[in-house]
Amino acid sequence: MSDIRTSVQELSQKQLSELETQVLNLLVTLRKVKMTNQPVALLLKELEQELGDLRRERYDAANSDYSGY
């Protein structure tokens, strides 16, 4: 996933947010059709985690007086 992390770091904040939203929507759909153990679902969960981590890192960097959620 490190190569994905490198790629998503180049995204704007708006693009990052949109991608995170779409990945979450897809995960919800996979959960509804009971496909959460499929390899694609597991990869999407990892991607969602990476996107969330990056979003939080950016937030913390922009708001140095408030670190962490």
PDB file of N, CA and C in Angstrom:
ATOM      1  N   MET A   1       0.811  -1.201   0.000  1.00  0.00           N
ATOM      2  CA  MET A   1       0.000   0.000   0.000  1.00  0.00           C
ATOM      3  C   MET A   1       0.852   1.262   0.000  1.00  0.00           C
ATOM      4  N   SER A   2       2.154   1.153   0.190  1.00  0.00           N
ATOM      5  CA  SER A   2       2.982   2.352   0.247  1.00  0.00           C
ATOM      6  C   SER A   2       2.984   3.098  -1.081  1.00  0.00           C
ATOM      7  N   ASP A   3       2.901   2.384  -2.211  1.00  0.00           N
ATOM      8  CA  ASP A   3       2.845   3.069  -3.499  1.00  0.00           C
ATOM      9  C   ASP A   3       1.529   3.818  -3.663  1.00  0.00           C
ATOM     10  N   ILE A   4       0.457   3.291  -3.094  1.00  0.00           N
ATOM     11  CA  ILE A   4      -0.825   3.999  -3.122  1.00  0.00           C
ATOM     12  C   ILE A   4      -0.716   5.250  -2.265  1.00  0.00           C
ATOM     13  N   ARG A   5      -0.080   5.129  -1.120  1.00  0.00           N
ATOM     14  CA  ARG A   5       0.078   6.284  -0.231  1.00  0.00           C
ATOM     15  C   ARG A   5       0.841   7.398  -0.940  1.00  0.00           C
ATOM     16  N   THR A   6       1.867   7.049  -1.664  1.00  0.00           N
ATOM     17  CA  THR A   6       2.628   8.041  -2.416  1.00  0.00           C
ATOM     18  C   THR A   6       1.736   8.710  -3.453  1.00  0.00           C
ATOM     19  N   SER A   7       0.919   7.939  -4.130  1.00  0.00           N
ATOM     20  CA  SER A   7       0.026   8.490  -5.156  1.00  0.00           C
ATOM     21  C   SER A   7      -1.030   9.406  -4.561  1.00  0.00           C
ATOM     22  N   VAL A   8      -1.637   9.005  -3.452  1.00  0.00           N
ATOM     23  CA  VAL A   8      -2.716   9.819  -2.885  1.00  0.00           C
ATOM     24  C   VAL A   8      -2.185  11.077  -2.216  1.00  0.00           C
ATOM     25  N   GLN A   9      -0.924  11.092  -1.840  1.00  0.00           N
ATOM     26  CA  GLN A   9      -0.362  12.311  -1.248  1.00  0.00           C
ATOM     27  C   GLN A   9      -0.345  13.453  -2.251  1.00  0.00           C
ATOM     28  N   GLU A  10      -0.366  13.138  -3.532  1.00  0.00           N
ATOM     29  CA  GLU A  10      -0.364  14.161  -4.571  1.00  0.00           C
ATOM     30  C   GLU A  10      -1.750  14.750  -4.828  1.00  0.00           C
ATOM     31  N   LEU A  11      -2.788  14.160  -4.264  1.00  0.00           N
ATOM     32  CA  LEU A  11      -4.148  14.636  -4.481  1.00  0.00           C
ATOM     33  C   LEU A  11      -4.407  15.915  -3.698  1.00  0.00           C
ATOM     34  N   SER A  12      -5.273  16.743  -4.250  1.00  0.00           N
ATOM     35  CA  SER A  12      -5.708  17.924  -3.501  1.00  0.00           C
ATOM     36  C   SER A  12      -6.605  17.461  -2.351  1.00  0.00           C
ATOM     37  N   GLN A  13      -6.859  18.355  -1.417  1.00  0.00           N
ATOM     38  CA  GLN A  13      -7.711  18.003  -0.283  1.00  0.00           C
ATOM     39  C   GLN A  13      -9.110  17.625  -0.766  1.00  0.00           C
ATOM     40  N   LYS A  14      -9.607  18.328  -1.763  1.00  0.00           N
ATOM     41  CA  LYS A  14     -10.939  18.034  -2.306  1.00  0.00           C
ATOM     42  C   LYS A  14     -10.957  16.647  -2.952  1.00  0.00           C
ATOM     43  N   GLN A  15      -9.929  16.327  -3.736  1.00  0.00           N
ATOM     44  CA  GLN A  15      -9.851  15.013  -4.382  1.00  0.00           C
ATOM     45  C   GLN A  15      -9.728  13.903  -3.340  1.00  0.00           C
ATOM     46  N   LEU A  16      -8.938  14.141  -2.316  1.00  0.00           N
ATOM     47  CA  LEU A  16      -8.767  13.161  -1.245  1.00  0.00           C
ATOM     48  C   LEU A  16     -10.093  12.890  -0.551  1.00  0.00           C
ATOM     49  N   SER A  17     -10.819  13.949  -0.259  1.00  0.00           N
ATOM     50  CA  SER A  17     -12.112  13.815   0.398  1.00  0.00           C
ATOM     51  C   SER A  17     -13.104  13.047  -0.471  1.00  0.00           C
ATOM     52  N   GLU A  18     -13.143  13.379  -1.762  1.00  0.00           N
ATOM     53  CA  GLU A  18     -14.057  12.699  -2.689  1.00  0.00           C
ATOM     54  C   GLU A  18     -13.713  11.215  -2.808  1.00  0.00           C
ATOM     55  N   LEU A  19     -12.432  10.912  -2.916  1.00  0.00           N
ATOM     56  CA  LEU A  19     -12.007   9.517  -3.020  1.00  0.00           C
ATOM     57  C   LEU A  19     -12.356   8.744  -1.756  1.00  0.00           C
ATOM     58  N   GLU A  20     -12.131   9.345  -0.602  1.00  0.00           N
ATOM     59  CA  GLU A  20     -12.469   8.683   0.654  1.00  0.00           C
ATOM     60  C   GLU A  20     -13.972   8.416   0.741  1.00  0.00           C
ATOM     61  N   THR A  21     -14.773   9.383   0.334  1.00  0.00           N
ATOM     62  CA  THR A  21     -16.230   9.222   0.350  1.00  0.00           C
ATOM     63  C   THR A  21     -16.665   8.080  -0.563  1.00  0.00           C
ATOM     64  N   GLN A  22     -16.108   8.034  -1.764  1.00  0.00           N
ATOM     65  CA  GLN A  22     -16.489   7.000  -2.725  1.00  0.00           C
ATOM     66  C   GLN A  22     -16.053   5.610  -2.263  1.00  0.00           C
ATOM     67  N   VAL A  23     -14.877   5.515  -1.664  1.00  0.00           N
ATOM     68  CA  VAL A  23     -14.414   4.223  -1.141  1.00  0.00           C
ATOM     69  C   VAL A  23     -15.340   3.761  -0.020  1.00  0.00           C
ATOM     70  N   LEU A  24     -15.725   4.678   0.857  1.00  0.00           N
ATOM     71  CA  LEU A  24     -16.656   4.322   1.939  1.00  0.00           C
ATOM     72  C   LEU A  24     -18.003   3.874   1.382  1.00  0.00           C
ATOM     73  N   ASN A  25     -18.500   4.562   0.348  1.00  0.00           N
ATOM     74  CA  ASN A  25     -19.766   4.167  -0.269  1.00  0.00           C
ATOM     75  C   ASN A  25     -19.670   2.766  -0.873  1.00  0.00           C
ATOM     76  N   LEU A  26     -18.562   2.481  -1.522  1.00  0.00           N
ATOM     77  CA  LEU A  26     -18.365   1.161  -2.111  1.00  0.00           C
ATOM     78  C   LEU A  26     -18.285   0.092  -1.029  1.00  0.00           C
ATOM     79  N   LEU A  27     -17.622   0.389   0.063  1.00  0.00           N
ATOM     80  CA  LEU A  27     -17.553  -0.567   1.175  1.00  0.00           C
ATOM     81  C   LEU A  27     -18.939  -0.842   1.764  1.00  0.00           C
ATOM     82  N   VAL A  28     -19.758   0.192   1.851  1.00  0.00           N
ATOM     83  CA  VAL A  28     -21.133   0.003   2.336  1.00  0.00           C
ATOM     84  C   VAL A  28     -21.901  -0.913   1.389  1.00  0.00           C
ATOM     85  N   THR A  29     -21.757  -0.688   0.095  1.00  0.00           N
ATOM     86  CA  THR A  29     -22.435  -1.530  -0.889  1.00  0.00           C
ATOM     87  C   THR A  29     -21.962  -2.977  -0.793  1.00  0.00           C
ATOM     88  N   LEU A  30     -20.668  -3.177  -0.668  1.00  0.00           N
ATOM     89  CA  LEU A  30     -20.136  -4.543  -0.535  1.00  0.00           C
ATOM     90  C   LEU A  30     -20.656  -5.210   0.731  1.00  0.00           C
ATOM     91  N   ARG A  31     -20.796  -4.435   1.801  1.00  0.00           N
ATOM     92  CA  ARG A  31     -21.326  -4.983   3.048  1.00  0.00           C
ATOM     93  C   ARG A  31     -22.788  -5.406   2.865  1.00  0.00           C
ATOM     94  N   LYS A  32     -23.559  -4.609   2.131  1.00  0.00           N
ATOM     95  CA  LYS A  32     -24.974  -4.922   1.908  1.00  0.00           C
ATOM     96  C   LYS A  32     -25.154  -6.212   1.113  1.00  0.00           C
ATOM     97  N   VAL A  33     -24.236  -6.477   0.192  1.00  0.00           N
ATOM     98  CA  VAL A  33     -24.353  -7.692  -0.619  1.00  0.00           C
ATOM     99  C   VAL A  33     -23.496  -8.833  -0.061  1.00  0.00           C
ATOM    100  N   LYS A  34     -23.042  -8.627   1.178  1.00  0.00           N
ATOM    101  CA  LYS A  34     -22.296  -9.651   1.916  1.00  0.00           C
ATOM    102  C   LYS A  34     -21.033 -10.125   1.191  1.00  0.00           C
ATOM    103  N   MET A  35     -20.251  -9.147   0.716  1.00  0.00           N
ATOM    104  CA  MET A  35     -18.999  -9.451   0.033  1.00  0.00           C
ATOM    105  C   MET A  35     -17.801  -8.857   0.777  1.00  0.00           C
ATOM    106  N   THR A  36     -17.910  -8.731   2.086  1.00  0.00           N
ATOM    107  CA  THR A  36     -16.857  -8.075   2.855  1.00  0.00           C
ATOM    108  C   THR A  36     -15.581  -8.895   2.984  1.00  0.00           C
ATOM    109  N   ASN A  37     -15.638 -10.182   2.707  1.00  0.00           N
ATOM    110  CA  ASN A  37     -14.432 -11.011   2.807  1.00  0.00           C
ATOM    111  C   ASN A  37     -13.730 -11.211   1.470  1.00  0.00           C
ATOM    112  N   GLN A  38     -14.239 -10.578   0.431  1.00  0.00           N
ATOM    113  CA  GLN A  38     -13.613 -10.678  -0.880  1.00  0.00           C
ATOM    114  C   GLN A  38     -12.315  -9.860  -0.902  1.00  0.00           C
ATOM    115  N   PRO A  39     -11.329 -10.283  -1.695  1.00  0.00           N
ATOM    116  CA  PRO A  39     -10.060  -9.545  -1.742  1.00  0.00           C
ATOM    117  C   PRO A  39     -10.222  -8.057  -2.057  1.00  0.00           C
ATOM    118  N   VAL A  40     -11.133  -7.717  -2.943  1.00  0.00           N
ATOM    119  CA  VAL A  40     -11.327  -6.304  -3.287  1.00  0.00           C
ATOM    120  C   VAL A  40     -11.818  -5.517  -2.072  1.00  0.00           C
ATOM    121  N   ALA A  41     -12.669  -6.096  -1.264  1.00  0.00           N
ATOM    122  CA  ALA A  41     -13.174  -5.414  -0.074  1.00  0.00           C
ATOM    123  C   ALA A  41     -12.046  -5.197   0.927  1.00  0.00           C
ATOM    124  N   LEU A  42     -11.180  -6.185   1.062  1.00  0.00           N
ATOM    125  CA  LEU A  42     -10.057  -6.050   1.990  1.00  0.00           C
ATOM    126  C   LEU A  42      -9.094  -4.958   1.524  1.00  0.00           C
ATOM    127  N   LEU A  43      -8.852  -4.880   0.221  1.00  0.00           N
ATOM    128  CA  LEU A  43      -7.999  -3.818  -0.319  1.00  0.00           C
ATOM    129  C   LEU A  43      -8.639  -2.444  -0.129  1.00  0.00           C
ATOM    130  N   LEU A  44      -9.944  -2.377  -0.338  1.00  0.00           N
ATOM    131  CA  LEU A  44     -10.639  -1.100  -0.151  1.00  0.00           C
ATOM    132  C   LEU A  44     -10.599  -0.655   1.308  1.00  0.00           C
ATOM    133  N   LYS A  45     -10.682  -1.601   2.232  1.00  0.00           N
ATOM    134  CA  LYS A  45     -10.577  -1.258   3.655  1.00  0.00           C
ATOM    135  C   LYS A  45      -9.205  -0.672   3.954  1.00  0.00           C
ATOM    136  N   GLU A  46      -8.164  -1.261   3.382  1.00  0.00           N
ATOM    137  CA  GLU A  46      -6.815  -0.736   3.567  1.00  0.00           C
ATOM    138  C   GLU A  46      -6.689   0.668   2.962  1.00  0.00           C
ATOM    139  N   LEU A  47      -7.253   0.847   1.777  1.00  0.00           N
ATOM    140  CA  LEU A  47      -7.212   2.143   1.120  1.00  0.00           C
ATOM    141  C   LEU A  47      -7.952   3.185   1.944  1.00  0.00           C
ATOM    142  N   GLU A  48      -9.106   2.824   2.467  1.00  0.00           N
ATOM    143  CA  GLU A  48      -9.885   3.744   3.294  1.00  0.00           C
ATOM    144  C   GLU A  48      -9.077   4.155   4.520  1.00  0.00           C
ATOM    145  N   GLN A  49      -8.372   3.209   5.120  1.00  0.00           N
ATOM    146  CA  GLN A  49      -7.542   3.514   6.281  1.00  0.00           C
ATOM    147  C   GLN A  49      -6.418   4.482   5.909  1.00  0.00           C
ATOM    148  N   GLU A  50      -5.761   4.233   4.794  1.00  0.00           N
ATOM    149  CA  GLU A  50      -4.687   5.116   4.320  1.00  0.00           C
ATOM    150  C   GLU A  50      -5.205   6.519   4.044  1.00  0.00           C
ATOM    151  N   LEU A  51      -6.354   6.603   3.391  1.00  0.00           N
ATOM    152  CA  LEU A  51      -6.940   7.908   3.077  1.00  0.00           C
ATOM    153  C   LEU A  51      -7.303   8.666   4.351  1.00  0.00           C
ATOM    154  N   GLY A  52      -7.880   7.975   5.299  1.00  0.00           N
ATOM    155  CA  GLY A  52      -8.238   8.603   6.573  1.00  0.00           C
ATOM    156  C   GLY A  52      -7.008   9.070   7.336  1.00  0.00           C
ATOM    157  N   ASP A  53      -5.967   8.246   7.344  1.00  0.00           N
ATOM    158  CA  ASP A  53      -4.721   8.626   8.019  1.00  0.00           C
ATOM    159  C   ASP A  53      -4.128   9.879   7.390  1.00  0.00           C
ATOM    160  N   LEU A  54      -4.098   9.912   6.058  1.00  0.00           N
ATOM    161  CA  LEU A  54      -3.546  11.063   5.353  1.00  0.00           C
ATOM    162  C   LEU A  54      -4.374  12.315   5.620  1.00  0.00           C
ATOM    163  N   ARG A  55      -5.688  12.181   5.616  1.00  0.00           N
ATOM    164  CA  ARG A  55      -6.568  13.329   5.888  1.00  0.00           C
ATOM    165  C   ARG A  55      -6.291  13.877   7.287  1.00  0.00           C
ATOM    166  N   ARG A  56      -6.156  12.983   8.270  1.00  0.00           N
ATOM    167  CA  ARG A  56      -5.881  13.420   9.639  1.00  0.00           C
ATOM    168  C   ARG A  56      -4.494  14.067   9.751  1.00  0.00           C
ATOM    169  N   GLU A  57      -3.505  13.507   9.049  1.00  0.00           N
ATOM    170  CA  GLU A  57      -2.165  14.099   9.051  1.00  0.00           C
ATOM    171  C   GLU A  57      -2.197  15.511   8.490  1.00  0.00           C
ATOM    172  N   ARG A  58      -2.916  15.684   7.398  1.00  0.00           N
ATOM    173  CA  ARG A  58      -3.021  17.012   6.790  1.00  0.00           C
ATOM    174  C   ARG A  58      -3.720  17.982   7.725  1.00  0.00           C
ATOM    175  N   TYR A  59      -4.764  17.511   8.386  1.00  0.00           N
ATOM    176  CA  TYR A  59      -5.486  18.364   9.322  1.00  0.00           C
ATOM    177  C   TYR A  59      -4.564  18.791  10.457  1.00  0.00           C
ATOM    178  N   ASP A  60      -3.833  17.835  11.014  1.00  0.00           N
ATOM    179  CA  ASP A  60      -2.926  18.141  12.114  1.00  0.00           C
ATOM    180  C   ASP A  60      -1.832  19.119  11.672  1.00  0.00           C
ATOM    181  N   ALA A  61      -1.330  18.958  10.454  1.00  0.00           N
ATOM    182  CA  ALA A  61      -0.291  19.853   9.950  1.00  0.00           C
ATOM    183  C   ALA A  61      -0.821  21.269   9.754  1.00  0.00           C
ATOM    184  N   ALA A  62      -2.063  21.385   9.311  1.00  0.00           N
ATOM    185  CA  ALA A  62      -2.659  22.698   9.066  1.00  0.00           C
ATOM    186  C   ALA A  62      -3.135  23.359  10.363  1.00  0.00           C
ATOM    187  N   ASN A  63      -3.361  22.561  11.381  1.00  0.00           N
ATOM    188  CA  ASN A  63      -3.855  23.065  12.660  1.00  0.00           C
ATOM    189  C   ASN A  63      -2.906  22.624  13.755  1.00  0.00           C
ATOM    190  N   SER A  64      -1.708  23.197  13.757  1.00  0.00           N
ATOM    191  CA  SER A  64      -0.661  22.751  14.673  1.00  0.00           C
ATOM    192  C   SER A  64      -1.005  22.969  16.134  1.00  0.00           C
ATOM    193  N   ASP A  65      -1.938  23.864  16.420  1.00  0.00           N
ATOM    194  CA  ASP A  65      -2.323  24.083  17.801  1.00  0.00           C
ATOM    195  C   ASP A  65      -3.275  22.999  18.311  1.00  0.00           C
ATOM    196  N   TYR A  66      -3.747  22.154  17.417  1.00  0.00           N
ATOM    197  CA  TYR A  66      -4.643  21.047  17.786  1.00  0.00           C
ATOM    198  C   TYR A  66      -4.140  19.797  17.113  1.00  0.00           C
ATOM    199  N   SER A  67      -3.463  18.952  17.862  1.00  0.00           N
ATOM    200  CA  SER A  67      -2.934  17.730  17.253  1.00  0.00           C
ATOM    201  C   SER A  67      -3.781  16.537  17.655  1.00  0.00           C
ATOM    202  N   GLY A  68      -4.306  15.867  16.670  1.00  0.00           N
ATOM    203  CA  GLY A  68      -5.109  14.661  16.900  1.00  0.00           C
ATOM    204  C   GLY A  68      -6.574  14.963  17.052  1.00  0.00           C
ATOM    205  N   TYR A  69      -7.355  13.914  16.828  1.00  0.00           N
ATOM    206  CA  TYR A  69      -8.808  14.034  16.944  1.00  0.00           C
ATOM    207  C   TYR A  69      -9.229  13.876  18.360  1.00  0.00           C
TER     208      TYR A  69
END
